Protein backbone atom coordinates (compact mmCIF):
# COMPACT_ATOMS: atom_id res chain seq x y z
CA UNK A 1 -49.34 -25.35 -65.02
CA UNK A 2 -52.33 -23.44 -65.95
CA UNK A 3 -54.35 -25.49 -63.43
CA UNK A 4 -51.68 -24.60 -60.92
CA UNK A 5 -51.60 -20.99 -61.71
CA UNK A 6 -55.71 -20.70 -61.77
CA UNK A 7 -55.98 -22.76 -58.09
CA UNK A 8 -53.65 -20.43 -56.86
CA UNK A 9 -55.34 -17.43 -58.15
CA UNK A 10 -58.49 -18.57 -56.66
CA UNK A 11 -57.28 -19.08 -53.18
CA UNK A 12 -55.54 -15.85 -53.64
CA UNK A 13 -58.77 -14.07 -54.58
CA UNK A 14 -60.62 -15.21 -51.72
CA UNK A 15 -58.10 -14.26 -49.39
CA UNK A 16 -57.68 -10.74 -50.41
CA UNK A 17 -59.30 -7.63 -48.64
CA UNK A 18 -60.65 -6.11 -51.45
CA UNK A 19 -62.14 -9.41 -52.81
CA UNK A 20 -63.60 -9.91 -49.08
CA UNK A 21 -65.43 -6.78 -49.44
CA UNK A 22 -66.40 -7.65 -52.72
CA UNK A 23 -67.72 -11.01 -51.89
CA UNK A 24 -69.57 -9.55 -48.70
CA UNK A 25 -71.32 -6.71 -50.99
CA UNK A 26 -72.72 -9.98 -53.76
CA UNK A 27 -73.88 -11.52 -50.22
CA UNK A 28 -75.86 -8.66 -49.35
CA UNK A 29 -77.09 -8.31 -52.80
CA UNK A 30 -78.01 -12.11 -52.96
CA UNK A 31 -80.05 -11.54 -49.34
CA UNK A 32 -81.80 -9.04 -51.06
CA UNK A 33 -82.97 -11.54 -54.05
CA UNK A 34 -83.55 -14.16 -51.89
CA UNK A 35 -86.14 -12.08 -49.60
CA UNK A 36 -87.97 -11.16 -53.02
CA UNK A 37 -87.74 -15.04 -54.02
CA UNK A 38 -89.08 -16.49 -50.97
CA UNK A 39 -92.00 -14.30 -50.68
CA UNK A 40 -93.48 -15.96 -53.59
CA UNK A 41 -94.96 -19.15 -52.06
CA UNK A 42 -93.83 -22.58 -53.38
CA UNK A 43 -96.03 -25.18 -51.78
CA UNK A 44 -95.02 -28.37 -53.83
CA UNK A 45 -98.77 -29.12 -53.55
CA UNK A 46 -100.33 -25.80 -54.89
CA UNK A 47 -100.03 -25.60 -58.71
CA UNK A 48 -100.77 -21.78 -59.05
CA UNK A 49 -97.52 -21.40 -56.40
CA UNK A 50 -95.33 -23.26 -58.80
CA UNK A 51 -96.39 -21.34 -61.84
CA UNK A 52 -95.68 -18.22 -59.85
CA UNK A 53 -92.11 -19.42 -59.01
CA UNK A 54 -91.48 -20.18 -63.21
CA UNK A 55 -92.51 -16.81 -64.19
CA UNK A 56 -89.59 -15.39 -61.28
CA UNK A 57 -87.21 -17.68 -62.47
CA UNK A 58 -87.42 -16.97 -66.21
CA UNK A 59 -86.83 -13.34 -65.40
CA UNK A 60 -83.95 -14.09 -63.44
CA UNK A 61 -82.12 -16.22 -65.83
CA UNK A 62 -82.61 -14.37 -68.50
CA UNK A 63 -81.39 -11.09 -67.03
CA UNK A 64 -77.85 -13.09 -66.68
CA UNK A 65 -77.77 -13.91 -70.18
CA UNK A 66 -79.03 -17.59 -70.05
CA UNK A 67 -81.61 -18.93 -72.59
CA UNK A 68 -84.38 -20.58 -70.58
CA UNK A 69 -87.52 -22.57 -70.98
CA UNK A 70 -89.98 -24.20 -69.45
CA UNK A 71 -90.42 -28.04 -69.72
CA UNK A 72 -94.18 -29.35 -69.58
CA UNK A 73 -94.40 -33.15 -67.62
CA UNK A 74 -97.03 -34.98 -66.70
CA UNK A 75 -96.66 -32.99 -63.33
CA UNK A 76 -94.99 -29.35 -62.65
CA UNK A 77 -93.00 -28.11 -65.23
CA UNK A 78 -89.48 -28.24 -65.09
CA UNK A 79 -87.37 -25.14 -65.35
CA UNK A 80 -84.50 -25.53 -67.83
CA UNK A 81 -81.30 -22.80 -68.57
CA UNK A 82 -78.11 -22.74 -70.79
CA UNK A 83 -75.91 -20.16 -71.37
CA UNK A 84 -74.72 -19.76 -74.97
CA UNK A 85 -72.96 -23.28 -76.13
CA UNK A 86 -69.42 -23.63 -77.13
CA UNK A 87 -68.89 -26.90 -78.55
CA UNK A 88 -65.00 -27.45 -77.37
CA UNK A 89 -65.67 -27.01 -73.85
CA UNK A 90 -67.26 -29.64 -71.14
CA UNK A 91 -70.73 -29.42 -69.71
CA UNK A 92 -72.08 -28.97 -66.50
CA UNK A 93 -75.44 -29.73 -65.78
CA UNK A 94 -77.03 -28.27 -62.30
CA UNK A 95 -79.68 -29.51 -60.44
CA UNK A 96 -81.72 -28.06 -57.83
CA UNK A 97 -85.49 -27.45 -56.54
CA UNK A 98 -87.55 -24.61 -56.30
CA UNK A 99 -90.85 -25.99 -54.56
CA UNK A 100 -91.27 -26.63 -51.04
CA UNK A 101 -92.59 -28.10 -48.21
CA UNK A 102 -96.26 -27.08 -46.95
CA UNK A 103 -95.80 -24.83 -43.91
CA UNK A 104 -98.29 -24.43 -41.24
CA UNK A 105 -97.95 -20.63 -40.04
CA UNK A 106 -99.39 -21.43 -36.28
CA UNK A 107 -95.85 -23.59 -35.79
CA UNK A 108 -93.28 -20.78 -36.96
CA UNK A 109 -91.97 -17.92 -34.75
CA UNK A 110 -92.73 -15.26 -37.20
CA UNK A 111 -96.01 -14.31 -38.64
CA UNK A 112 -95.59 -15.24 -42.44
CA UNK A 113 -93.16 -17.95 -43.15
CA UNK A 114 -92.67 -16.48 -46.61
CA UNK A 115 -91.45 -13.41 -45.30
CA UNK A 116 -87.96 -13.42 -44.59
CA UNK A 117 -87.04 -12.65 -40.87
CA UNK A 118 -83.14 -11.84 -39.79
CA UNK A 119 -82.09 -12.96 -36.54
CA UNK A 120 -79.13 -12.93 -34.30
CA UNK A 121 -78.77 -15.51 -31.52
CA UNK A 122 -78.08 -13.47 -28.15
CA UNK A 123 -78.17 -15.38 -24.64
CA UNK A 124 -79.16 -18.79 -26.55
CA UNK A 125 -82.28 -17.08 -27.89
CA UNK A 126 -82.85 -15.87 -31.49
CA UNK A 127 -83.58 -12.09 -31.39
CA UNK A 128 -85.42 -10.54 -34.87
CA UNK A 129 -83.42 -7.81 -36.11
CA UNK A 130 -83.81 -5.13 -39.13
CA UNK A 131 -82.37 -5.25 -42.24
CA UNK A 132 -81.41 -2.03 -41.66
CA UNK A 133 -78.75 -3.71 -39.44
CA UNK A 134 -76.86 -5.34 -42.47
CA UNK A 135 -74.22 -2.78 -43.13
CA UNK A 136 -71.22 -3.54 -44.96
CA UNK A 137 -69.55 -5.85 -42.79
CA UNK A 138 -71.86 -8.29 -42.65
CA UNK A 139 -72.15 -10.98 -39.52
CA UNK A 140 -71.85 -13.98 -41.17
CA UNK A 141 -73.25 -15.70 -37.97
CA UNK A 142 -76.68 -13.99 -38.51
CA UNK A 143 -79.81 -15.79 -40.19
CA UNK A 144 -82.78 -15.58 -42.72
CA UNK A 145 -85.69 -17.44 -41.30
CA UNK A 146 -87.98 -18.57 -43.92
CA UNK A 147 -89.37 -21.37 -46.20
CA UNK A 148 -86.99 -22.72 -48.61
CA UNK A 149 -84.20 -20.55 -47.43
CA UNK A 150 -82.34 -23.63 -47.39
CA UNK A 151 -84.07 -26.39 -49.31
CA UNK A 152 -83.69 -25.14 -51.72
CA UNK A 153 -84.15 -21.48 -53.03
CA UNK A 154 -81.02 -20.13 -51.29
CA UNK A 155 -78.65 -22.47 -53.46
CA UNK A 156 -80.40 -21.00 -56.48
CA UNK A 157 -79.90 -17.39 -55.87
CA UNK A 158 -76.40 -18.16 -54.81
CA UNK A 159 -76.08 -19.50 -58.40
CA UNK A 160 -77.34 -16.30 -59.76
CA UNK A 161 -75.24 -14.26 -58.05
CA UNK A 162 -72.10 -16.03 -58.47
CA UNK A 163 -72.69 -15.56 -62.40
CA UNK A 164 -72.97 -11.74 -61.60
CA UNK A 165 -69.47 -11.92 -59.97
CA UNK A 166 -67.71 -13.82 -62.65
CA UNK A 167 -69.13 -11.19 -65.14
CA UNK A 168 -67.75 -8.74 -62.84
CA UNK A 169 -64.55 -9.91 -62.90
CA UNK A 170 -64.17 -10.73 -66.50
CA UNK A 171 -63.76 -14.38 -65.93
CA UNK A 172 -64.49 -16.97 -68.84
CA UNK A 173 -65.93 -19.63 -67.80
CA UNK A 174 -64.14 -22.98 -68.65
CA UNK A 175 -67.43 -25.00 -69.06
CA UNK A 176 -70.93 -24.98 -70.71
CA UNK A 177 -73.65 -24.63 -68.21
CA UNK A 178 -77.00 -25.88 -67.88
CA UNK A 179 -79.25 -25.75 -64.72
CA UNK A 180 -82.62 -27.76 -64.37
CA UNK A 181 -84.76 -27.04 -61.63
CA UNK A 182 -87.33 -29.05 -60.35
CA UNK A 183 -90.64 -28.10 -59.53
CA UNK A 184 -91.98 -30.96 -57.22
CA UNK A 185 -89.12 -32.57 -55.42
CA UNK A 186 -90.80 -32.39 -52.40
CA UNK A 187 -93.15 -34.67 -53.86
CA UNK A 188 -91.02 -37.40 -54.97
CA UNK A 189 -90.61 -36.00 -58.32
CA UNK A 190 -93.05 -38.77 -59.93
CA UNK A 191 -92.63 -37.41 -64.13
CA UNK A 192 -89.28 -36.95 -63.75
CA UNK A 193 -87.74 -40.33 -65.46
CA UNK A 194 -89.93 -39.88 -68.05
CA UNK A 195 -89.24 -36.26 -68.51
CA UNK A 196 -85.44 -36.76 -68.32
CA UNK A 197 -86.08 -39.41 -71.27
CA UNK A 198 -88.19 -37.08 -73.12
CA UNK A 199 -85.46 -34.29 -72.83
CA UNK A 200 -82.44 -35.83 -73.09
CA UNK A 201 -80.64 -34.11 -76.08
CA UNK A 202 -81.45 -30.88 -74.14
CA UNK A 203 -80.20 -32.05 -70.96
CA UNK A 204 -76.81 -33.79 -71.99
CA UNK A 205 -74.23 -33.02 -70.04
CA UNK A 206 -70.31 -34.53 -69.14
CA UNK A 207 -71.29 -34.43 -65.25
CA UNK A 208 -74.41 -33.58 -62.80
CA UNK A 209 -73.86 -31.48 -59.61
CA UNK A 210 -76.38 -31.40 -57.58
CA UNK A 211 -77.03 -28.55 -55.03
CA UNK A 212 -79.47 -29.90 -51.84
CA UNK A 213 -79.40 -30.34 -48.86
CA UNK A 214 -76.88 -29.62 -45.94
CA UNK A 215 -72.90 -29.61 -45.47
CA UNK A 216 -71.45 -31.85 -43.21
CA UNK A 217 -71.94 -31.17 -39.30
CA UNK A 218 -68.41 -30.48 -39.30
CA UNK A 219 -69.28 -27.35 -41.29
CA UNK A 220 -66.10 -28.39 -43.77
CA UNK A 221 -66.59 -28.79 -47.53
CA UNK A 222 -68.47 -31.32 -48.65
CA UNK A 223 -68.89 -33.70 -51.38
CA UNK A 224 -71.15 -36.46 -51.71
CA UNK A 225 -71.14 -39.27 -53.91
CA UNK A 226 -74.62 -40.88 -54.05
CA UNK A 227 -77.94 -40.75 -52.14
CA UNK A 228 -79.83 -43.38 -50.84
CA UNK A 229 -83.37 -44.08 -52.94
CA UNK A 230 -86.61 -44.50 -50.72
CA UNK A 231 -89.78 -46.83 -51.52
CA UNK A 232 -92.30 -47.03 -49.11
CA UNK A 233 -95.35 -49.65 -47.65
CA UNK A 234 -98.57 -49.03 -45.89
CA UNK A 235 -99.30 -51.78 -44.01
CA UNK A 236 -102.87 -52.21 -42.00
CA UNK A 237 -104.23 -55.05 -40.11
CA UNK A 238 -107.92 -55.65 -39.04
CA UNK A 239 -109.99 -56.55 -35.96
CA UNK A 240 -113.78 -56.38 -35.21
CA UNK A 241 -115.29 -54.55 -38.10
CA UNK A 242 -116.22 -51.52 -35.95
CA UNK A 243 -114.25 -50.45 -32.41
CA UNK A 244 -116.04 -52.83 -29.63
CA UNK A 245 -115.91 -52.47 -25.79
CA UNK A 246 -112.55 -54.03 -24.40
CA UNK A 247 -115.12 -54.94 -21.60
CA UNK A 248 -117.65 -57.18 -23.54
CA UNK A 249 -114.77 -58.03 -26.08
CA UNK A 250 -111.45 -57.94 -24.96
CA UNK A 251 -109.63 -61.79 -24.68
CA UNK A 252 -112.47 -62.62 -27.86
CA UNK A 253 -112.18 -59.99 -30.76
CA UNK A 254 -108.65 -60.33 -32.21
CA UNK A 255 -106.95 -57.11 -31.60
CA UNK A 256 -105.44 -55.62 -34.65
CA UNK A 257 -102.55 -53.69 -32.76
CA UNK A 258 -101.22 -56.30 -31.47
CA UNK A 259 -101.26 -57.98 -34.44
CA UNK A 260 -99.46 -55.39 -36.30
CA UNK A 261 -97.00 -54.93 -33.53
CA UNK A 262 -95.95 -58.85 -33.92
CA UNK A 263 -95.81 -58.55 -37.40
CA UNK A 264 -93.32 -55.39 -37.63
CA UNK A 265 -91.38 -56.50 -34.73
CA UNK A 266 -90.34 -59.87 -36.35
CA UNK A 267 -88.83 -58.09 -38.94
CA UNK A 268 -85.71 -56.95 -36.70
CA UNK A 269 -83.83 -58.39 -34.41
CA UNK A 270 -83.04 -56.63 -30.92
CA UNK A 271 -80.19 -54.62 -32.31
CA UNK A 272 -81.92 -53.36 -35.32
CA UNK A 273 -80.91 -55.73 -38.16
CA UNK A 274 -83.78 -57.04 -40.66
CA UNK A 275 -84.47 -60.45 -40.18
CA UNK A 276 -85.99 -61.24 -43.57
CA UNK A 277 -83.80 -63.21 -45.78
CA UNK A 278 -81.83 -61.53 -48.23
CA UNK A 279 -82.68 -58.34 -47.45
CA UNK A 280 -78.73 -57.29 -47.43
CA UNK A 281 -77.50 -59.27 -50.30
CA UNK A 282 -75.13 -58.09 -52.53
CA UNK A 283 -73.66 -55.12 -50.11
CA UNK A 284 -70.04 -55.80 -49.48
CA UNK A 285 -67.48 -53.14 -48.12
CA UNK A 286 -63.56 -53.85 -48.77
CA UNK A 287 -60.86 -52.41 -46.66
CA UNK A 288 -60.27 -49.29 -48.97
CA UNK A 289 -64.18 -48.40 -48.81
CA UNK A 290 -64.14 -48.85 -45.50
CA UNK A 291 -61.17 -46.42 -44.90
CA UNK A 292 -62.78 -43.95 -46.89
CA UNK A 293 -66.18 -43.63 -44.79
CA UNK A 294 -63.90 -43.91 -41.55
CA UNK A 295 -62.02 -40.79 -42.69
CA UNK A 296 -65.65 -38.41 -42.71
CA UNK A 297 -65.20 -36.41 -39.41
CA UNK A 298 -68.33 -37.74 -37.34
CA UNK A 299 -68.26 -38.40 -33.95
CA UNK A 300 -70.84 -40.77 -32.25
CA UNK A 301 -71.02 -39.10 -28.71
CA UNK A 302 -72.11 -35.97 -30.52
CA UNK A 303 -74.52 -37.60 -32.82
CA UNK A 304 -75.74 -39.83 -29.85
CA UNK A 305 -75.94 -36.60 -27.66
CA UNK A 306 -77.96 -34.94 -30.39
CA UNK A 307 -80.42 -38.02 -30.68
CA UNK A 308 -80.54 -38.21 -27.08
CA UNK A 309 -79.76 -42.31 -27.28
CA UNK A 310 -77.67 -44.68 -25.20
CA UNK A 311 -77.17 -47.28 -27.63
CA UNK A 312 -77.34 -46.83 -31.42
CA UNK A 313 -78.61 -49.69 -33.53
CA UNK A 314 -75.70 -52.26 -35.00
CA UNK A 315 -76.46 -52.58 -38.79
CA UNK A 316 -72.95 -50.78 -38.98
CA UNK A 317 -69.86 -50.45 -36.68
CA UNK A 318 -70.12 -46.83 -37.04
CA UNK A 319 -72.79 -44.07 -38.81
CA UNK A 320 -71.24 -44.08 -42.32
CA UNK A 321 -71.26 -47.53 -42.44
CA UNK A 322 -74.65 -47.89 -41.44
CA UNK A 323 -75.64 -45.49 -44.21
CA UNK A 324 -74.06 -48.10 -46.81
CA UNK A 325 -77.08 -50.83 -46.43
CA UNK A 326 -80.96 -50.15 -47.28
CA UNK A 327 -83.13 -49.19 -43.98
CA UNK A 328 -86.43 -50.76 -42.87
CA UNK A 329 -88.30 -47.99 -40.59
CA UNK A 330 -91.61 -47.70 -39.25
CA UNK A 331 -92.44 -43.94 -39.89
CA UNK A 332 -95.75 -43.89 -38.37
CA UNK A 333 -98.09 -46.18 -36.21
CA UNK A 334 -101.74 -45.71 -35.61
CA UNK A 335 -104.94 -47.72 -34.17
CA UNK A 336 -107.55 -46.42 -31.80
CA UNK A 337 -106.96 -43.16 -30.00
CA UNK A 338 -104.79 -41.91 -27.57
CA UNK A 339 -104.21 -39.09 -25.02
CA UNK A 340 -107.55 -37.48 -23.56
CA UNK A 341 -109.15 -39.22 -26.51
CA UNK A 342 -108.45 -42.45 -25.57
CA UNK A 343 -111.27 -45.37 -25.43
CA UNK A 344 -111.76 -48.79 -23.85
CA UNK A 345 -112.12 -50.55 -27.11
CA UNK A 346 -110.71 -53.12 -29.27
CA UNK A 347 -109.64 -50.91 -32.32
CA UNK A 348 -111.20 -52.18 -35.73
CA UNK A 349 -107.76 -51.49 -37.16
CA UNK A 350 -104.21 -50.76 -37.04
CA UNK A 351 -101.82 -49.21 -39.72
CA UNK A 352 -97.89 -48.83 -39.97
CA UNK A 353 -96.27 -46.56 -42.47
CA UNK A 354 -93.09 -48.18 -43.62
CA UNK A 355 -90.16 -46.34 -45.78
CA UNK A 356 -87.25 -48.17 -47.00
CA UNK A 357 -84.13 -46.30 -47.67
CA UNK A 358 -82.42 -48.03 -50.70
CA UNK A 359 -78.58 -48.32 -51.54
CA UNK A 360 -77.28 -49.19 -55.40
CA UNK A 361 -77.00 -53.00 -54.38
CA UNK A 362 -80.66 -53.03 -53.72
CA UNK A 363 -83.74 -53.01 -55.50
CA UNK A 364 -87.06 -51.11 -54.14
CA UNK A 365 -89.11 -53.84 -55.72
CA UNK A 366 -87.22 -56.92 -54.77
CA UNK A 367 -87.28 -55.77 -51.16
CA UNK A 368 -90.91 -54.59 -50.87
CA UNK A 369 -91.52 -58.03 -52.20
CA UNK A 370 -89.24 -60.00 -49.38
CA UNK A 371 -91.60 -57.60 -46.88
CA UNK A 372 -94.69 -59.06 -48.30
CA UNK A 373 -93.34 -62.50 -48.43
CA UNK A 374 -92.42 -62.48 -44.77
CA UNK A 375 -95.51 -61.08 -43.84
CA UNK A 376 -97.37 -64.05 -46.04
CA UNK A 377 -95.21 -66.55 -44.03
CA UNK A 378 -96.46 -65.41 -40.72
CA UNK A 379 -100.11 -66.24 -42.14
CA UNK A 380 -101.45 -63.53 -43.58
CA UNK A 381 -103.81 -63.16 -46.34
CA UNK A 382 -102.95 -60.04 -48.48
CA UNK A 383 -104.93 -57.94 -49.85
CA UNK A 384 -104.06 -53.81 -51.73
CA UNK A 385 -107.61 -52.91 -50.87
CA UNK A 386 -110.04 -53.23 -47.56
CA UNK A 387 -111.45 -56.62 -47.27
CA UNK A 388 -114.89 -57.02 -48.04
CA UNK A 389 -117.28 -59.29 -45.74
CA UNK A 390 -116.61 -62.51 -47.23
CA UNK A 391 -113.12 -62.19 -47.27
CA UNK A 392 -113.21 -61.27 -43.55
CA UNK A 393 -115.09 -64.43 -42.87
CA UNK A 394 -112.99 -66.56 -44.82
CA UNK A 395 -109.80 -65.44 -43.77
CA UNK A 396 -108.40 -65.85 -40.31
CA UNK A 397 -105.47 -62.91 -40.73
CA UNK A 398 -105.82 -60.22 -43.42
CA UNK A 399 -103.44 -57.41 -43.83
CA UNK A 400 -103.64 -54.74 -46.58
CA UNK A 401 -100.31 -53.34 -48.05
CA UNK A 402 -100.23 -50.43 -50.25
CA UNK A 403 -97.02 -49.83 -52.03
CA UNK A 404 -95.59 -46.35 -52.77
CA UNK A 405 -93.32 -45.77 -55.94
CA UNK A 406 -89.49 -46.55 -56.07
CA UNK A 407 -87.13 -43.45 -56.21
CA UNK A 408 -83.56 -45.24 -56.93
CA UNK A 409 -80.47 -44.79 -55.16
CA UNK A 410 -77.18 -43.82 -56.96
CA UNK A 411 -73.58 -43.45 -56.22
CA UNK A 412 -70.52 -42.13 -58.17
CA UNK A 413 -67.08 -44.11 -57.73
CA UNK A 414 -65.01 -42.41 -55.35
CA UNK A 415 -62.05 -41.93 -58.01
CA UNK A 416 -63.66 -40.47 -60.74
CA UNK A 417 -61.88 -37.79 -62.46
CA UNK A 418 -65.27 -35.36 -62.13
CA UNK A 419 -64.84 -36.09 -58.46
CA UNK A 420 -61.33 -35.33 -58.05
CA UNK A 421 -61.67 -32.13 -59.85
CA UNK A 422 -63.97 -30.71 -57.34
CA UNK A 423 -62.08 -32.07 -54.27
CA UNK A 424 -58.78 -30.15 -55.79
CA UNK A 425 -61.12 -27.04 -56.60
CA UNK A 426 -62.61 -27.41 -52.91
CA UNK A 427 -59.23 -27.74 -51.50
CA UNK A 428 -57.79 -24.56 -53.01
CA UNK A 429 -60.80 -22.60 -52.42
CA UNK A 430 -60.87 -23.04 -48.97
CA UNK A 431 -57.38 -24.35 -48.07
CA UNK A 432 -58.87 -27.45 -45.65
CA UNK A 433 -59.42 -30.94 -46.52
CA UNK A 434 -63.10 -32.08 -48.06
CA UNK A 435 -65.30 -34.46 -46.39
CA UNK A 436 -65.93 -37.07 -48.78
CA UNK A 437 -69.06 -38.88 -48.40
CA UNK A 438 -69.83 -42.08 -50.09
CA UNK A 439 -73.55 -41.85 -49.86
CA UNK A 440 -75.84 -39.70 -47.91
CA UNK A 441 -78.98 -40.87 -45.80
CA UNK A 442 -81.54 -38.76 -47.59
CA UNK A 443 -83.15 -38.93 -51.25
CA UNK A 444 -82.76 -36.79 -53.78
CA UNK A 445 -84.45 -37.92 -57.27
CA UNK A 446 -81.36 -37.87 -59.51
CA UNK A 447 -81.03 -41.58 -60.73
CA UNK A 448 -83.58 -41.00 -63.66
CA UNK A 449 -80.36 -38.72 -65.05
CA UNK A 450 -77.98 -41.04 -64.11
CA UNK A 451 -79.59 -44.10 -65.81
CA UNK A 452 -80.90 -41.68 -68.86
CA UNK A 453 -77.71 -39.28 -69.71
CA UNK A 454 -75.05 -42.22 -68.17
CA UNK A 455 -73.02 -39.51 -66.65
CA UNK A 456 -71.39 -38.97 -63.08
CA UNK A 457 -73.37 -37.07 -60.39
CA UNK A 458 -72.40 -35.49 -57.39
CA UNK A 459 -73.78 -33.51 -54.37
CA UNK A 460 -72.52 -30.67 -53.49
CA UNK A 461 -74.52 -29.49 -50.32
CA UNK A 462 -74.25 -25.85 -49.22
CA UNK A 463 -76.17 -24.75 -46.73
CA UNK A 464 -76.09 -25.36 -42.74
CA UNK A 465 -76.37 -28.48 -40.93
CA UNK A 466 -78.89 -27.21 -38.51
CA UNK A 467 -81.47 -25.45 -41.14
CA UNK A 468 -84.39 -26.88 -39.84
CA UNK A 469 -85.39 -28.24 -43.43
CA UNK A 470 -89.21 -29.40 -43.93
CA UNK A 471 -89.72 -27.69 -40.71
CA UNK A 472 -90.98 -24.64 -39.07
CA UNK A 473 -88.25 -22.35 -38.54
CA UNK A 474 -86.29 -23.25 -41.74
CA UNK A 475 -83.08 -20.95 -41.70
CA UNK A 476 -80.38 -20.04 -44.07
CA UNK A 477 -77.32 -19.14 -41.84
CA UNK A 478 -75.39 -16.20 -43.77
CA UNK A 479 -72.02 -17.67 -43.97
CA UNK A 480 -73.13 -20.26 -45.92
CA UNK A 481 -74.28 -17.89 -48.46
CA UNK A 482 -70.70 -16.87 -48.87
CA UNK A 483 -69.69 -20.28 -48.79
CA UNK A 484 -71.99 -20.90 -51.55
CA UNK A 485 -70.80 -18.25 -53.86
CA UNK A 486 -67.07 -19.16 -53.26
CA UNK A 487 -68.30 -22.80 -54.16
CA UNK A 488 -69.98 -22.03 -57.08
CA UNK A 489 -67.00 -19.39 -58.49
CA UNK A 490 -64.55 -22.14 -57.80
CA UNK A 491 -65.92 -24.63 -59.77
CA UNK A 492 -66.61 -22.24 -62.64
CA UNK A 493 -63.83 -20.60 -62.90
CA UNK A 494 -61.06 -23.54 -62.60
CA UNK A 495 -60.35 -24.92 -65.98
CA UNK A 496 -60.54 -28.92 -65.48
CA UNK A 497 -57.31 -30.71 -67.23
């Protein structure tokens, strides 16, 4: 009964005109604070950027009553904050990241990607507005453009402003609240597994919520129960030791471009399924799971139109099913020169960059070994470095393979009680069905928390699907700020039975 009353209050709260004004006031403050945060560059590759962001975070969280710490790692430091703990309360650990992708200002439609620009769409074009145009009745369709507005500084500032609103309304949070913010998520968070082990006691919690990435394309409230992992391979084949005139040596000197094309083409069939034996081992989808996957409101025609493709690959029979299998993707190919710089040569080498998205049933090292075994069976001598002259003269076909690190996938059971708590809270907050995604296609480095802390984890994405994260003109729809505050408010005000 107490839970029902709390959920009813939550529903009424966001549908009351006075509270709507209060929400918009908080959204307005969030925008100002986000502009301040974005103005601090956060390139994941620049150490001084990360340190300046840590200083800002320490100040802002301390102002809200958090006890905060900067946690050294073998790479960039993590930021940790917690409200005063009470033994009789369950604990939520929130994960977000404050670093960002590098920027090329020349490719942005604004002078400085770290200076937030307000825009509205008029006649299909984005028009820049003055922040003085943000009146009390904020237009939720307007957008904020700037690096990390969506990925992932926006959610951090939404969280901080939700704490403000909870205090203003004298709401007692029925959970202990911990926050861990990553400073190098955009470069794979390599130090994270060791750091989580080192700071295990500090990070202990009952469940983990990750606020990163966009809501479902339908715009509906979204919860994801897992993400795919990732690992990489770089493949390089070799022709003549230096590029040679194709008139003199074409038909004689082996062409590394053709060699590499034959190697990678043999890994998949014409429908996109991986042909390497054992690649999909261990994966099975029962009827119940398929029903859940099919409940996600994807529209194949819309997806295909967005991608401008006639026919998708057939690893799965529909989009969500395809995400349940490990992928094998060529993310880049290079050999010789193209375009205006093209030359009539037999290239010296050819390189393919491969990424493999992992699911919980697949082990990244095992899949890389399967790929290497497949290449070896094609007659290649495998090296992990550039071949020397003796090796070039000894072996007919040589390939260099460089391996990337493995970020594991994770997936929480769909019937987990903490997941049910989130679903019920979202339903009451927004009065609509919740999109439940079994596993998302992208990768978030969360597996170390799950493996070490032994807790369930859930992705609660907050930003708009068309936010251009990692790309020029990254943006955040103002309406998503209101959504994010409502999400955090609902979670931190609703008592779990």
